[in-house]
C-alpha atoms as a PDB file:
ATOM      1  CA  MET A   1      81.688  76.948  77.738  1.00  0.00           C
ATOM      2  CA  LEU A   2      81.989  80.161  75.727  1.00  0.00           C
ATOM      3  CA  PHE A   3      85.372  81.869  76.076  1.00  0.00           C
ATOM      4  CA  ASP A   4      86.276  85.432  75.265  1.00  0.00           C
ATOM      5  CA  LEU A   5      89.765  85.532  73.733  1.00  0.00           C
ATOM      6  CA  ASP A   6      91.815  88.623  74.582  1.00  0.00           C
ATOM      7  CA  GLY A   7      92.460  88.702  78.313  1.00  0.00           C
ATOM      8  CA  VAL A   8      90.803  85.337  78.964  1.00  0.00           C
ATOM      9  CA  LEU A   9      92.717  82.810  76.863  1.00  0.00           C
ATOM     10  CA  THR A  10      95.608  84.998  75.692  1.00  0.00           C
ATOM     11  CA  PRO A  11      97.365  88.075  77.105  1.00  0.00           C
ATOM     12  CA  THR A  12      96.741  89.973  73.876  1.00  0.00           C
ATOM     13  CA  ALA A  13      94.727  92.471  75.904  1.00  0.00           C
ATOM     14  CA  GLU A  14      98.101  93.927  76.865  1.00  0.00           C
ATOM     15  CA  VAL A  15      98.988  94.313  73.187  1.00  0.00           C
ATOM     16  CA  HIS A  16      95.603  95.927  72.551  1.00  0.00           C
ATOM     17  CA  MET A  17      96.121  98.315  75.474  1.00  0.00           C
ATOM     18  CA  SER A  18      99.488  99.367  74.110  1.00  0.00           C
ATOM     19  CA  ALA A  19      98.096  99.871  70.609  1.00  0.00           C
ATOM     20  CA  TRP A  20      95.152 101.963  71.862  1.00  0.00           C
ATOM     21  CA  SER A  21      97.511 104.081  73.942  1.00  0.00           C
ATOM     22  CA  ARG A  22      99.765 104.644  70.917  1.00  0.00           C
ATOM     23  CA  LEU A  23      96.687 105.811  69.015  1.00  0.00           C
ATOM     24  CA  PHE A  24      94.880 108.005  71.511  1.00  0.00           C
ATOM     25  CA  THR A  25      97.723 109.566  73.527  1.00  0.00           C
ATOM     26  CA  PRO A  26      98.881 111.818  70.678  1.00  0.00           C
ATOM     27  CA  PHE A  27      95.378 112.173  69.204  1.00  0.00           C
ATOM     28  CA  LEU A  28      93.787 113.495  72.401  1.00  0.00           C
ATOM     29  CA  ASP A  29      96.802 115.688  73.097  1.00  0.00           C
ATOM     30  CA  SER A  30      96.461 117.277  69.657  1.00  0.00           C
ATOM     31  CA  HIS A  31      92.814 118.091  70.412  1.00  0.00           C
ATOM     32  CA  GLY A  32      93.587 119.671  73.795  1.00  0.00           C
ATOM     33  CA  VAL A  33      91.356 117.384  75.857  1.00  0.00           C
ATOM     34  CA  LYS A  34      91.875 115.181  78.909  1.00  0.00           C
ATOM     35  CA  PRO A  35      94.866 112.825  78.369  1.00  0.00           C
ATOM     36  CA  TYR A  36      94.394 109.134  77.643  1.00  0.00           C
ATOM     37  CA  THR A  37      94.862 106.659  80.520  1.00  0.00           C
ATOM     38  CA  ASP A  38      94.539 102.913  81.043  1.00  0.00           C
ATOM     39  CA  ALA A  39      91.245 103.599  82.829  1.00  0.00           C
ATOM     40  CA  ASP A  40      89.876 104.793  79.484  1.00  0.00           C
ATOM     41  CA  TYR A  41      90.673 101.411  77.954  1.00  0.00           C
ATOM     42  CA  PHE A  42      88.734  99.549  80.641  1.00  0.00           C
ATOM     43  CA  GLY A  43      85.876 102.057  80.724  1.00  0.00           C
ATOM     44  CA  TYR A  44      85.243 102.768  77.049  1.00  0.00           C
ATOM     45  CA  ILE A  45      87.064 100.281  74.814  1.00  0.00           C
ATOM     46  CA  ASP A  46      87.663  96.873  76.413  1.00  0.00           C
ATOM     47  CA  GLY A  47      85.582  94.088  74.888  1.00  0.00           C
ATOM     48  CA  LYS A  48      83.783  96.224  72.316  1.00  0.00           C
ATOM     49  CA  PRO A  49      84.101  96.010  68.519  1.00  0.00           C
ATOM     50  CA  ARG A  50      86.972  98.228  67.433  1.00  0.00           C
ATOM     51  CA  TYR A  51      85.024 101.068  65.822  1.00  0.00           C
ATOM     52  CA  ASP A  52      82.545 101.121  68.721  1.00  0.00           C
ATOM     53  CA  GLY A  53      85.520 101.559  71.033  1.00  0.00           C
ATOM     54  CA  VAL A  54      86.726 104.531  69.002  1.00  0.00           C
ATOM     55  CA  ARG A  55      83.277 106.147  69.118  1.00  0.00           C
ATOM     56  CA  SER A  56      82.922 105.517  72.854  1.00  0.00           C
ATOM     57  CA  LEU A  57      86.316 107.022  73.707  1.00  0.00           C
ATOM     58  CA  LEU A  58      85.749 110.046  71.487  1.00  0.00           C
ATOM     59  CA  ALA A  59      82.325 110.630  73.064  1.00  0.00           C
ATOM     60  CA  SER A  60      83.903 110.546  76.531  1.00  0.00           C
ATOM     61  CA  ARG A  61      85.900 113.631  75.504  1.00  0.00           C
ATOM     62  CA  GLY A  62      83.043 115.367  73.709  1.00  0.00           C
ATOM     63  CA  LEU A  63      84.605 114.622  70.338  1.00  0.00           C
ATOM     64  CA  SER A  64      83.120 113.108  67.205  1.00  0.00           C
ATOM     65  CA  LEU A  65      84.373 112.172  63.754  1.00  0.00           C
ATOM     66  CA  PRO A  66      82.729 110.987  60.555  1.00  0.00           C
ATOM     67  CA  ASP A  67      82.355 107.216  60.538  1.00  0.00           C
ATOM     68  CA  GLY A  68      84.130 106.812  57.228  1.00  0.00           C
ATOM     69  CA  ASP A  69      84.467 103.320  55.784  1.00  0.00           C
ATOM     70  CA  PRO A  70      86.290 100.161  56.957  1.00  0.00           C
ATOM     71  CA  SER A  71      88.567 100.553  53.922  1.00  0.00           C
ATOM     72  CA  ASP A  72      89.794 103.964  55.167  1.00  0.00           C
ATOM     73  CA  ALA A  73      93.560 104.399  55.332  1.00  0.00           C
ATOM     74  CA  PRO A  74      94.978 104.560  58.881  1.00  0.00           C
ATOM     75  CA  GLU A  75      96.032 108.156  58.266  1.00  0.00           C
ATOM     76  CA  LEU A  76      92.448 109.378  57.840  1.00  0.00           C
ATOM     77  CA  GLU A  77      90.750 111.091  60.779  1.00  0.00           C
ATOM     78  CA  THR A  78      87.546 109.103  60.657  1.00  0.00           C
ATOM     79  CA  VAL A  79      86.236 106.545  63.132  1.00  0.00           C
ATOM     80  CA  CYS A  80      87.311 103.754  60.780  1.00  0.00           C
ATOM     81  CA  GLY A  81      90.626 105.447  60.025  1.00  0.00           C
ATOM     82  CA  LEU A  82      91.505 105.656  63.718  1.00  0.00           C
ATOM     83  CA  GLY A  83      90.375 102.068  64.263  1.00  0.00           C
ATOM     84  CA  ASN A  84      92.538 100.915  61.377  1.00  0.00           C
ATOM     85  CA  ARG A  85      95.477 102.908  62.745  1.00  0.00           C
ATOM     86  CA  LYS A  86      95.107 101.072  66.043  1.00  0.00           C
ATOM     87  CA  ASN A  87      94.877  97.720  64.245  1.00  0.00           C
ATOM     88  CA  LYS A  88      98.074  98.449  62.304  1.00  0.00           C
ATOM     89  CA  ALA A  89      99.932  99.025  65.592  1.00  0.00           C
ATOM     90  CA  PHE A  90      98.415  95.837  67.061  1.00  0.00           C
ATOM     91  CA  ASN A  91      99.419  93.687  64.085  1.00  0.00           C
ATOM     92  CA  GLU A  92     102.959  95.056  64.101  1.00  0.00           C
ATOM     93  CA  THR A  93     103.385  94.273  67.808  1.00  0.00           C
ATOM     94  CA  LEU A  94     101.869  90.794  67.451  1.00  0.00           C
ATOM     95  CA  ALA A  95     104.145  89.987  64.503  1.00  0.00           C
ATOM     96  CA  GLU A  96     107.211  91.175  66.402  1.00  0.00           C
ATOM     97  CA  ASP A  97     106.513  89.612  69.792  1.00  0.00           C
ATOM     98  CA  GLY A  98     104.057  86.749  69.148  1.00  0.00           C
ATOM     99  CA  VAL A  99     101.645  85.565  71.832  1.00  0.00           C
ATOM    100  CA  SER A 100     101.270  82.576  74.160  1.00  0.00           C
ATOM    101  CA  PRO A 101      98.119  81.523  76.012  1.00  0.00           C
ATOM    102  CA  TYR A 102      97.833  82.074  79.744  1.00  0.00           C
ATOM    103  CA  PRO A 103      99.150  78.828  81.305  1.00  0.00           C
ATOM    104  CA  GLY A 104      96.248  78.698  83.775  1.00  0.00           C
ATOM    105  CA  SER A 105      93.707  79.217  81.012  1.00  0.00           C
ATOM    106  CA  LEU A 106      95.303  76.463  78.940  1.00  0.00           C
ATOM    107  CA  ARG A 107      95.147  74.029  81.858  1.00  0.00           C
ATOM    108  CA  PHE A 108      91.510  74.981  82.474  1.00  0.00           C
ATOM    109  CA  LEU A 109      90.617  74.571  78.793  1.00  0.00           C
ATOM    110  CA  ASP A 110      92.227  71.127  78.685  1.00  0.00           C
ATOM    111  CA  ALA A 111      90.360  70.117  81.845  1.00  0.00           C
ATOM    112  CA  VAL A 112      86.898  71.223  80.715  1.00  0.00           C
ATOM    113  CA  VAL A 113      87.307  69.545  77.328  1.00  0.00           C
ATOM    114  CA  ALA A 114      88.473  66.362  79.044  1.00  0.00           C
ATOM    115  CA  ALA A 115      85.377  66.597  81.268  1.00  0.00           C
ATOM    116  CA  GLY A 116      83.175  66.550  78.165  1.00  0.00           C
ATOM    117  CA  LEU A 117      82.164  70.208  77.865  1.00  0.00           C
ATOM    118  CA  GLN A 118      81.748  71.809  74.457  1.00  0.00           C
ATOM    119  CA  VAL A 119      83.776  74.984  73.911  1.00  0.00           C
ATOM    120  CA  ALA A 120      83.707  77.993  71.617  1.00  0.00           C
ATOM    121  CA  VAL A 121      85.473  81.348  71.313  1.00  0.00           C
ATOM    122  CA  VAL A 122      83.437  84.557  71.173  1.00  0.00           C
ATOM    123  CA  THR A 123      85.522  87.671  70.590  1.00  0.00           C
ATOM    124  CA  SER A 124      84.849  91.138  69.232  1.00  0.00           C
ATOM    125  CA  SER A 125      88.295  91.152  67.646  1.00  0.00           C
ATOM    126  CA  LEU A 126      88.623  91.199  63.873  1.00  0.00           C
ATOM    127  CA  ASN A 127      91.988  89.502  64.498  1.00  0.00           C
ATOM    128  CA  GLY A 128      90.553  86.525  66.366  1.00  0.00           C
ATOM    129  CA  GLU A 129      91.642  83.867  63.884  1.00  0.00           C
ATOM    130  CA  MET A 130      95.153  85.326  63.687  1.00  0.00           C
ATOM    131  CA  VAL A 131      95.536  85.470  67.476  1.00  0.00           C
ATOM    132  CA  LEU A 132      94.243  81.912  67.979  1.00  0.00           C
ATOM    133  CA  THR A 133      96.646  80.639  65.326  1.00  0.00           C
ATOM    134  CA  ALA A 134      99.595  82.588  66.747  1.00  0.00           C
ATOM    135  CA  ALA A 135      98.841  81.184  70.217  1.00  0.00           C
ATOM    136  CA  GLY A 136      98.570  77.600  68.918  1.00  0.00           C
ATOM    137  CA  LEU A 137      94.910  77.355  69.956  1.00  0.00           C
ATOM    138  CA  ARG A 138      93.018  77.404  66.667  1.00  0.00           C
ATOM    139  CA  ASP A 139      92.652  73.635  66.337  1.00  0.00           C
ATOM    140  CA  ARG A 140      91.069  73.424  69.803  1.00  0.00           C
ATOM    141  CA  PHE A 141      87.924  75.284  68.740  1.00  0.00           C
ATOM    142  CA  GLU A 142      85.495  74.182  66.071  1.00  0.00           C
ATOM    143  CA  ILE A 143      83.325  77.241  66.722  1.00  0.00           C
ATOM    144  CA  VAL A 144      84.867  80.729  66.587  1.00  0.00           C
ATOM    145  CA  VAL A 145      82.623  83.793  66.508  1.00  0.00           C
ATOM    146  CA  ASP A 146      84.902  86.780  65.979  1.00  0.00           C
ATOM    147  CA  GLY A 147      84.405  90.291  64.662  1.00  0.00           C
ATOM    148  CA  VAL A 148      84.590  89.096  61.079  1.00  0.00           C
ATOM    149  CA  ARG A 149      81.884  86.461  61.614  1.00  0.00           C
ATOM    150  CA  ALA A 150      79.740  88.905  63.604  1.00  0.00           C
ATOM    151  CA  ARG A 151      79.897  91.441  60.785  1.00  0.00           C
ATOM    152  CA  ALA A 152      79.000  88.794  58.197  1.00  0.00           C
ATOM    153  CA  GLU A 153      76.042  87.621  60.292  1.00  0.00           C
ATOM    154  CA  LYS A 154      75.018  91.219  61.128  1.00  0.00           C
ATOM    155  CA  LEU A 155      75.257  90.536  64.856  1.00  0.00           C
ATOM    156  CA  ALA A 156      75.364  93.380  67.356  1.00  0.00           C
ATOM    157  CA  GLY A 157      78.620  93.501  69.308  1.00  0.00           C
ATOM    158  CA  LYS A 158      79.150  93.305  73.055  1.00  0.00           C
ATOM    159  CA  PRO A 159      77.598  94.416  75.423  1.00  0.00           C
ATOM    160  CA  ALA A 160      74.668  93.048  73.391  1.00  0.00           C
ATOM    161  CA  PRO A 161      74.319  89.270  73.896  1.00  0.00           C
ATOM    162  CA  ASP A 162      73.993  88.449  70.191  1.00  0.00           C
ATOM    163  CA  THR A 163      77.437  86.981  69.515  1.00  0.00           C
ATOM    164  CA  TYR A 164      77.311  84.716  72.559  1.00  0.00           C
ATOM    165  CA  ALA A 165      73.761  83.628  71.712  1.00  0.00           C
ATOM    166  CA  PHE A 166      74.872  82.840  68.159  1.00  0.00           C
ATOM    167  CA  ALA A 167      77.778  80.702  69.416  1.00  0.00           C
ATOM    168  CA  ALA A 168      75.425  78.803  71.722  1.00  0.00           C
ATOM    169  CA  ARG A 169      73.117  78.054  68.784  1.00  0.00           C
ATOM    170  CA  LEU A 170      76.059  76.832  66.709  1.00  0.00           C
ATOM    171  CA  LEU A 171      76.842  74.387  69.529  1.00  0.00           C
ATOM    172  CA  GLY A 172      73.205  73.284  69.583  1.00  0.00           C
ATOM    173  CA  LEU A 173      72.711  74.621  73.105  1.00  0.00           C
ATOM    174  CA  THR A 174      70.486  77.123  74.862  1.00  0.00           C
ATOM    175  CA  ALA A 175      71.901  80.113  76.722  1.00  0.00           C
ATOM    176  CA  ALA A 176      70.936  78.462  80.006  1.00  0.00           C
ATOM    177  CA  GLU A 177      73.191  75.514  79.144  1.00  0.00           C
ATOM    178  CA  CYS A 178      76.257  77.717  78.592  1.00  0.00           C
ATOM    179  CA  ILE A 179      78.881  79.415  80.745  1.00  0.00           C
ATOM    180  CA  VAL A 180      80.268  82.748  79.528  1.00  0.00           C
ATOM    181  CA  VAL A 181      83.899  83.444  80.495  1.00  0.00           C
ATOM    182  CA  GLU A 182      84.870  87.126  80.235  1.00  0.00           C
ATOM    183  CA  ASP A 183      87.406  89.667  81.493  1.00  0.00           C
ATOM    184  CA  ALA A 184      85.732  92.818  80.154  1.00  0.00           C
ATOM    185  CA  GLU A 185      82.872  94.774  81.677  1.00  0.00           C
ATOM    186  CA  SER A 186      81.069  94.897  78.321  1.00  0.00           C
ATOM    187  CA  GLY A 187      81.494  91.133  77.909  1.00  0.00           C
ATOM    188  CA  ILE A 188      80.093  90.434  81.366  1.00  0.00           C
ATOM    189  CA  GLN A 189      77.132  92.647  80.502  1.00  0.00           C
ATOM    190  CA  SER A 190      76.705  90.632  77.320  1.00  0.00           C
ATOM    191  CA  GLY A 191      76.546  87.371  79.244  1.00  0.00           C
ATOM    192  CA  ARG A 192      74.114  88.760  81.773  1.00  0.00           C
ATOM    193  CA  ALA A 193      71.858  90.323  79.109  1.00  0.00           C
ATOM    194  CA  GLY A 194      71.660  86.955  77.354  1.00  0.00           C
ATOM    195  CA  ASP A 195      70.530  85.174  80.522  1.00  0.00           C
ATOM    196  CA  PHE A 196      73.297  82.588  80.287  1.00  0.00           C
ATOM    197  CA  GLY A 197      73.511  79.856  82.884  1.00  0.00           C
ATOM    198  CA  LEU A 198      76.655  81.242  84.496  1.00  0.00           C
ATOM    199  CA  VAL A 199      78.732  84.357  83.854  1.00  0.00           C
ATOM    200  CA  LEU A 200      82.320  83.873  84.999  1.00  0.00           C
ATOM    201  CA  GLY A 201      84.619  86.884  85.303  1.00  0.00           C
ATOM    202  CA  VAL A 202      88.415  86.819  85.049  1.00  0.00           C
ATOM    203  CA  ASP A 203      89.992  89.904  86.601  1.00  0.00           C
ATOM    204  CA  ARG A 204      92.972  90.937  84.482  1.00  0.00           C
ATOM    205  CA  GLY A 205      92.984  94.501  85.762  1.00  0.00           C
ATOM    206  CA  VAL A 206      89.518  95.984  85.461  1.00  0.00           C
ATOM    207  CA  GLY A 207      88.732  95.089  89.087  1.00  0.00           C
ATOM    208  CA  SER A 208      86.637  92.263  90.488  1.00  0.00           C
ATOM    209  CA  HIS A 209      84.087  94.685  91.937  1.00  0.00           C
ATOM    210  CA  ILE A 210      83.492  96.182  88.486  1.00  0.00           C
ATOM    211  CA  LEU A 211      82.915  92.748  86.963  1.00  0.00           C
ATOM    212  CA  LEU A 212      80.566  91.756  89.785  1.00  0.00           C
ATOM    213  CA  GLU A 213      78.618  94.985  89.423  1.00  0.00           C
ATOM    214  CA  ALA A 214      78.380  94.348  85.667  1.00  0.00           C
ATOM    215  CA  GLY A 215      76.695  91.021  86.359  1.00  0.00           C
ATOM    216  CA  ALA A 216      79.355  88.355  86.899  1.00  0.00           C
ATOM    217  CA  ASP A 217      78.245  85.497  89.139  1.00  0.00           C
ATOM    218  CA  THR A 218      81.786  85.029  90.386  1.00  0.00           C
ATOM    219  CA  VAL A 219      85.250  86.408  89.588  1.00  0.00           C
ATOM    220  CA  VAL A 220      88.661  84.735  89.689  1.00  0.00           C
ATOM    221  CA  ALA A 221      92.149  86.091  89.104  1.00  0.00           C
ATOM    222  CA  ASP A 222      93.103  83.062  86.991  1.00  0.00           C
ATOM    223  CA  LEU A 223      91.070  80.207  85.579  1.00  0.00           C
ATOM    224  CA  ASP A 224      93.265  77.524  87.111  1.00  0.00           C
ATOM    225  CA  GLU A 225      91.733  78.481  90.480  1.00  0.00           C
ATOM    226  CA  LEU A 226      88.688  76.540  89.248  1.00  0.00           C
ATOM    227  CA  LEU A 227      90.494  73.308  88.367  1.00  0.00           C
ATOM    228  CA  PRO A 228      89.429  71.574  91.624  1.00  0.00           C
ATOM    229  CA  LEU A 229      85.798  72.262  90.682  1.00  0.00           C
ATOM    230  CA  ILE A 230      85.835  70.672  87.222  1.00  0.00           C
ATOM    231  CA  GLY A 231      83.094  68.078  87.126  1.00  0.00           C
ATOM    232  CA  SER A 232      81.339  69.467  90.189  1.00  0.00           C
ATOM    233  CA  THR A 233      77.909  71.079  90.285  1.00  0.00           C
ATOM    234  CA  VAL A 234      79.497  74.432  91.087  1.00  0.00           C
ATOM    235  CA  LEU A 235      80.490  74.878  87.440  1.00  0.00           C
ATOM    236  CA  SER A 236      77.219  73.478  86.114  1.00  0.00           C
ATOM    237  CA  PRO A 237      74.948  76.142  84.610  1.00  0.00           C
ATOM    238  CA  GLU A 238      71.948  74.047  85.634  1.00  0.00           C
ATOM    239  CA  SER A 239      72.986  74.193  89.292  1.00  0.00           C
ATOM    240  CA  GLY A 240      72.136  77.868  89.709  1.00  0.00           C
ATOM    241  CA  VAL A 241      75.079  78.110  92.100  1.00  0.00           C
ATOM    242  CA  HIS A 242      76.491  81.614  92.400  1.00  0.00           C
ATOM    243  CA  ALA A 243      79.532  82.789  94.325  1.00  0.00           C
END
């Protein structure tokens, strides 16, 4: 079972949303274009690598900036500079407030591990290790494919299936033997593009219909809804059962 992190295991998606809003609300206002809204986060940013999210949002407003370099200072008006400005706000909020896993997701994780399933985390976040550690989850996952690992391995980010396919290989499994668990439209598209055995959506605000249209086989509001099914064929990728 391959879990996305932000919005699936931890509510850090809310921290990300706040940080993106703090970045783009004044930026878009200063450029005299359509104001930033939460819908922009779900439509252009959610689930994507950070700099891809910046490019996507800028393109939605007909704007473009030089890419710059990942070492760019947050004050620079480059794609990397804006991304680093957002990350600075995220890190400050995480340090101040901390993060705890979703209780339902924690119960589900415990249940699937107890049932003998292998698990991994696949996240676009460059802060994946920090978030897992802050949430007390790091020791539960031997395999973590985050933005740092993806960059080192030269893997395309979501919605491409590469990071999920890489995690499956690290577990010694085929895509057909794995379940992808995602809350973002781009992540669902990643799971579907990789032809994984089951693509499970968790609706944390994007809308179940959006996740289903993106390719989710089924969508739940919280993972603990699936606890009665642990060990059944319904959650078996080989079963071909779709909601």
